[in-house]
Amino acid sequence: MTKKFAELRAQMSPESRARAKVKAQKMLAEMPLNELRQARGLSQKMLAQALQVQQPSIAKMEKRTDMYLSTLRSHIEAMGGKLEVVARFPDGAVKISNFSDLDSTAPA
């Protein structure tokens, strides 16, 4: 017999619910491109159509560990987002502004 998640959560202690919430927020704040696309409710085919490329190129891009910022920016913008480059140091974070002028219509 299956239980609804709401029932299981109701049985958790307040501390356990708080820990689960923090962990879920952390997971949502950091994810690979393919999971981000899926979380946005997009298929590879839908994203390919938005970027005017073939679906296999989306699959290939999502597996890359290194790519041009312009490629990543177009991918993020096609999902409805905005790419920002931030450098994090022990004493704070700095948004790198050089890339804000990149032409989002440049070839990927």
C-alpha atoms as a PDB file:
ATOM      1  CA  MET A   1       0.000   0.000   0.000  1.00  0.00           C
ATOM      2  CA  THR A   2       1.417   3.364  -0.993  1.00  0.00           C
ATOM      3  CA  LYS A   3       1.319   6.456   1.155  1.00  0.00           C
ATOM      4  CA  LYS A   4       0.982  10.009  -0.024  1.00  0.00           C
ATOM      5  CA  PHE A   5       4.039  12.177   0.453  1.00  0.00           C
ATOM      6  CA  ALA A   6       2.012  14.680   2.480  1.00  0.00           C
ATOM      7  CA  GLU A   7       1.178  11.903   4.957  1.00  0.00           C
ATOM      8  CA  LEU A   8       4.821  10.880   5.269  1.00  0.00           C
ATOM      9  CA  ARG A   9       5.915  14.488   5.720  1.00  0.00           C
ATOM     10  CA  ALA A  10       3.300  15.014   8.417  1.00  0.00           C
ATOM     11  CA  GLN A  11       4.871  12.148  10.383  1.00  0.00           C
ATOM     12  CA  MET A  12       8.321  13.763  10.250  1.00  0.00           C
ATOM     13  CA  SER A  13       9.615  15.825  13.145  1.00  0.00           C
ATOM     14  CA  PRO A  14       9.851  19.600  12.582  1.00  0.00           C
ATOM     15  CA  GLU A  15      13.659  19.249  12.595  1.00  0.00           C
ATOM     16  CA  SER A  16      13.536  16.562   9.903  1.00  0.00           C
ATOM     17  CA  ARG A  17      11.195  18.673   7.764  1.00  0.00           C
ATOM     18  CA  ALA A  18      13.547  21.657   8.120  1.00  0.00           C
ATOM     19  CA  ARG A  19      16.580  19.543   7.117  1.00  0.00           C
ATOM     20  CA  ALA A  20      14.699  18.131   4.127  1.00  0.00           C
ATOM     21  CA  LYS A  21      13.660  21.629   3.027  1.00  0.00           C
ATOM     22  CA  VAL A  22      17.253  22.926   3.192  1.00  0.00           C
ATOM     23  CA  LYS A  23      18.520  19.901   1.250  1.00  0.00           C
ATOM     24  CA  ALA A  24      15.829  20.321  -1.420  1.00  0.00           C
ATOM     25  CA  GLN A  25      16.646  24.021  -1.822  1.00  0.00           C
ATOM     26  CA  LYS A  26      20.344  23.207  -2.186  1.00  0.00           C
ATOM     27  CA  MET A  27      19.580  20.583  -4.829  1.00  0.00           C
ATOM     28  CA  LEU A  28      17.420  23.054  -6.762  1.00  0.00           C
ATOM     29  CA  ALA A  29      20.091  25.759  -6.559  1.00  0.00           C
ATOM     30  CA  GLU A  30      22.689  23.591  -8.290  1.00  0.00           C
ATOM     31  CA  MET A  31      22.059  21.105 -11.087  1.00  0.00           C
ATOM     32  CA  PRO A  32      23.407  19.966 -14.447  1.00  0.00           C
ATOM     33  CA  LEU A  33      21.972  21.458 -17.646  1.00  0.00           C
ATOM     34  CA  ASN A  34      19.869  18.407 -18.489  1.00  0.00           C
ATOM     35  CA  GLU A  35      18.194  18.445 -15.062  1.00  0.00           C
ATOM     36  CA  LEU A  36      17.633  22.197 -15.325  1.00  0.00           C
ATOM     37  CA  ARG A  37      15.977  21.724 -18.709  1.00  0.00           C
ATOM     38  CA  GLN A  38      13.744  18.982 -17.307  1.00  0.00           C
ATOM     39  CA  ALA A  39      12.889  21.067 -14.230  1.00  0.00           C
ATOM     40  CA  ARG A  40      11.812  23.859 -16.602  1.00  0.00           C
ATOM     41  CA  GLY A  41       9.448  21.386 -18.296  1.00  0.00           C
ATOM     42  CA  LEU A  42      11.319  21.308 -21.595  1.00  0.00           C
ATOM     43  CA  SER A  43      12.267  18.345 -23.743  1.00  0.00           C
ATOM     44  CA  GLN A  44      15.459  18.284 -25.786  1.00  0.00           C
ATOM     45  CA  LYS A  45      13.299  18.585 -28.891  1.00  0.00           C
ATOM     46  CA  MET A  46      11.524  21.689 -27.576  1.00  0.00           C
ATOM     47  CA  LEU A  47      14.822  23.334 -26.661  1.00  0.00           C
ATOM     48  CA  ALA A  48      16.303  22.398 -30.043  1.00  0.00           C
ATOM     49  CA  GLN A  49      13.389  24.097 -31.793  1.00  0.00           C
ATOM     50  CA  ALA A  50      13.876  27.255 -29.708  1.00  0.00           C
ATOM     51  CA  LEU A  51      17.588  27.298 -30.572  1.00  0.00           C
ATOM     52  CA  GLN A  52      16.959  26.300 -34.204  1.00  0.00           C
ATOM     53  CA  VAL A  53      19.254  23.272 -33.980  1.00  0.00           C
ATOM     54  CA  GLN A  54      18.740  19.517 -34.178  1.00  0.00           C
ATOM     55  CA  GLN A  55      17.867  17.538 -31.018  1.00  0.00           C
ATOM     56  CA  PRO A  56      21.137  15.534 -31.017  1.00  0.00           C
ATOM     57  CA  SER A  57      23.103  18.772 -30.639  1.00  0.00           C
ATOM     58  CA  ILE A  58      21.185  19.500 -27.417  1.00  0.00           C
ATOM     59  CA  ALA A  59      22.062  16.047 -26.078  1.00  0.00           C
ATOM     60  CA  LYS A  60      25.708  16.619 -27.001  1.00  0.00           C
ATOM     61  CA  MET A  61      25.765  20.077 -25.405  1.00  0.00           C
ATOM     62  CA  GLU A  62      24.288  18.772 -22.164  1.00  0.00           C
ATOM     63  CA  LYS A  63      27.135  16.252 -21.874  1.00  0.00           C
ATOM     64  CA  ARG A  64      29.894  18.819 -22.396  1.00  0.00           C
ATOM     65  CA  THR A  65      32.085  19.891 -19.523  1.00  0.00           C
ATOM     66  CA  ASP A  66      33.581  22.793 -21.473  1.00  0.00           C
ATOM     67  CA  MET A  67      31.811  25.215 -23.830  1.00  0.00           C
ATOM     68  CA  TYR A  68      31.754  28.816 -24.970  1.00  0.00           C
ATOM     69  CA  LEU A  69      29.923  31.244 -22.708  1.00  0.00           C
ATOM     70  CA  SER A  70      27.868  32.348 -25.713  1.00  0.00           C
ATOM     71  CA  THR A  71      26.709  28.745 -26.209  1.00  0.00           C
ATOM     72  CA  LEU A  72      25.756  28.392 -22.569  1.00  0.00           C
ATOM     73  CA  ARG A  73      24.061  31.798 -22.596  1.00  0.00           C
ATOM     74  CA  SER A  74      21.878  30.882 -25.610  1.00  0.00           C
ATOM     75  CA  HIS A  75      20.962  27.579 -23.947  1.00  0.00           C
ATOM     76  CA  ILE A  76      19.940  29.336 -20.711  1.00  0.00           C
ATOM     77  CA  GLU A  77      18.056  32.111 -22.529  1.00  0.00           C
ATOM     78  CA  ALA A  78      16.131  29.520 -24.571  1.00  0.00           C
ATOM     79  CA  MET A  79      14.923  28.119 -21.241  1.00  0.00           C
ATOM     80  CA  GLY A  80      13.761  31.587 -20.212  1.00  0.00           C
ATOM     81  CA  GLY A  81      16.712  32.414 -17.967  1.00  0.00           C
ATOM     82  CA  LYS A  82      19.615  34.829 -17.832  1.00  0.00           C
ATOM     83  CA  LEU A  83      23.253  33.776 -17.492  1.00  0.00           C
ATOM     84  CA  GLU A  84      25.471  35.619 -15.030  1.00  0.00           C
ATOM     85  CA  VAL A  85      29.156  34.856 -14.436  1.00  0.00           C
ATOM     86  CA  VAL A  86      30.155  35.209 -10.788  1.00  0.00           C
ATOM     87  CA  ALA A  87      33.591  34.724  -9.244  1.00  0.00           C
ATOM     88  CA  ARG A  88      33.443  33.601  -5.614  1.00  0.00           C
ATOM     89  CA  PHE A  89      36.303  34.322  -3.211  1.00  0.00           C
ATOM     90  CA  PRO A  90      36.656  33.690   0.525  1.00  0.00           C
ATOM     91  CA  ASP A  91      35.952  37.375   1.162  1.00  0.00           C
ATOM     92  CA  GLY A  92      32.997  37.742  -1.224  1.00  0.00           C
ATOM     93  CA  ALA A  93      31.589  37.328  -4.717  1.00  0.00           C
ATOM     94  CA  VAL A  94      32.019  39.503  -7.805  1.00  0.00           C
ATOM     95  CA  LYS A  95      29.797  39.459 -10.887  1.00  0.00           C
ATOM     96  CA  ILE A  96      32.013  39.546 -13.974  1.00  0.00           C
ATOM     97  CA  SER A  97      30.555  42.205 -16.260  1.00  0.00           C
ATOM     98  CA  ASN A  98      32.670  41.580 -19.408  1.00  0.00           C
ATOM     99  CA  PHE A  99      30.179  38.995 -20.618  1.00  0.00           C
ATOM    100  CA  SER A 100      27.021  41.068 -20.218  1.00  0.00           C
ATOM    101  CA  ASP A 101      27.664  42.611 -23.650  1.00  0.00           C
ATOM    102  CA  LEU A 102      27.895  39.269 -25.463  1.00  0.00           C
ATOM    103  CA  ASP A 103      25.585  39.190 -28.446  1.00  0.00           C
ATOM    104  CA  SER A 104      22.992  36.537 -27.606  1.00  0.00           C
ATOM    105  CA  THR A 105      22.387  36.028 -31.332  1.00  0.00           C
ATOM    106  CA  ALA A 106      26.027  35.028 -31.958  1.00  0.00           C
ATOM    107  CA  PRO A 107      26.468  31.493 -33.309  1.00  0.00           C
ATOM    108  CA  ALA A 108      26.859  28.831 -30.626  1.00  0.00           C
END
